[in-house]
Structure formats: C-alpha cells, structure tokens
Amino acid sequence: MDYTREELAEAKRQIDSTLHKLRQTVKTLEEKENPARYKSQLTLAKRRIEAFTLANELIRRELEALPTE
C-alpha cells in the first residue's frame, strides 16, 4: 500500500502520543507500593512500547524514502 507523507506523519504523531502515555503508565505502575501486583499490566505495556517503537522506526524509514516535494 502506498501512503502519503501526511498519512505517515499523522500515524507517527499518533504513535508518539501513545508511546508517551504507555511510558507514563509503566512509570506509574512501577512506582506503586507493590509493583509485582501489576506484573501482567507492566508486561503488556512494555511489549506495546516495543511494538510501537518498531512501527515508529518503520514509518520514519518510509518518510525518509519518499521523494521530497
């Protein structure tokens, strides 16, 4: 599929926002009194961070590969 520069930029912006929220969630859960209680939520959030970071990198590469207008 071909995406426009604007579509890719918006997707990256949304991913950046989600990554910020996920990182805040991890920080909050790790600072709780008993972080072990939130192990599954922490694992899920960390895995999502990894996945979104990878997606962000792929979008960045696509943006760099697009011809400048």
Protein backbone atom coordinates (compact mmCIF):
# COMPACT_ATOMS: atom_id res chain seq x y z
CA MET A 1 0.00 0.00 0.00
CA ASP A 2 1.13 3.50 -0.71
CA TYR A 3 0.62 6.19 1.88
CA THR A 4 1.01 9.93 1.55
CA ARG A 5 3.58 11.86 3.54
CA GLU A 6 0.70 13.40 5.51
CA GLU A 7 -0.78 10.00 6.38
CA LEU A 8 2.58 8.69 7.55
CA ALA A 9 3.29 11.83 9.55
CA GLU A 10 -0.11 11.62 11.27
CA ALA A 11 0.39 7.93 12.05
CA LYS A 12 3.79 8.75 13.56
CA ARG A 13 2.27 11.56 15.61
CA GLN A 14 -0.39 9.21 16.97
CA ILE A 15 2.18 6.54 17.79
CA ASP A 16 4.38 9.11 19.56
CA SER A 17 1.40 10.12 21.68
CA THR A 18 0.56 6.53 22.53
CA LEU A 19 4.20 5.78 23.39
CA HIS A 20 4.26 8.75 25.75
CA LYS A 21 1.12 7.52 27.51
CA LEU A 22 2.43 3.96 27.74
CA ARG A 23 5.73 5.11 29.21
CA GLN A 24 3.85 7.15 31.79
CA THR A 25 1.73 4.10 32.61
CA VAL A 26 4.82 1.94 33.13
CA LYS A 27 6.37 4.60 35.34
CA THR A 28 3.20 4.90 37.41
CA LEU A 29 2.80 1.14 37.84
CA GLU A 30 6.45 0.67 38.77
CA GLU A 31 6.13 3.37 41.44
CA LYS A 32 3.14 1.70 43.09
CA GLU A 33 3.56 0.27 46.57
CA ASN A 34 3.52 -3.32 45.29
CA PRO A 35 4.57 -3.28 41.60
CA ALA A 36 4.65 -7.09 41.44
CA ARG A 37 0.87 -6.98 41.71
CA TYR A 38 0.79 -5.26 38.31
CA LYS A 39 3.18 -7.65 36.57
CA SER A 40 0.84 -8.57 33.72
CA GLN A 41 -0.10 -4.94 33.05
CA LEU A 42 3.57 -3.95 33.07
CA THR A 43 4.50 -6.76 30.71
CA LEU A 44 1.71 -5.81 28.31
CA ALA A 45 2.62 -2.11 28.38
CA LYS A 46 6.32 -2.86 27.81
CA ARG A 47 5.53 -5.16 24.89
CA ARG A 48 3.32 -2.49 23.36
CA ILE A 49 6.13 0.04 23.77
CA GLU A 50 8.45 -2.28 21.87
CA ALA A 51 5.89 -2.82 19.10
CA PHE A 52 5.07 0.87 18.72
CA THR A 53 8.76 1.79 18.76
CA LEU A 54 9.34 -0.65 15.91
CA ALA A 55 6.35 0.73 13.98
CA ASN A 56 7.64 4.26 14.51
CA GLU A 57 11.03 3.30 13.09
CA LEU A 58 9.42 1.75 10.02
CA ILE A 59 7.33 4.87 9.45
CA ARG A 60 10.44 7.05 9.83
CA ARG A 61 12.20 4.95 7.16
CA GLU A 62 9.22 5.27 4.84
CA LEU A 63 9.15 9.03 5.31
CA GLU A 64 12.88 9.26 4.53
CA ALA A 65 12.43 7.14 1.40
CA LEU A 66 9.69 9.39 -0.01
CA PRO A 67 10.85 11.88 -2.58
CA THR A 68 10.84 15.46 -1.34
CA GLU A 69 8.32 17.70 -2.96
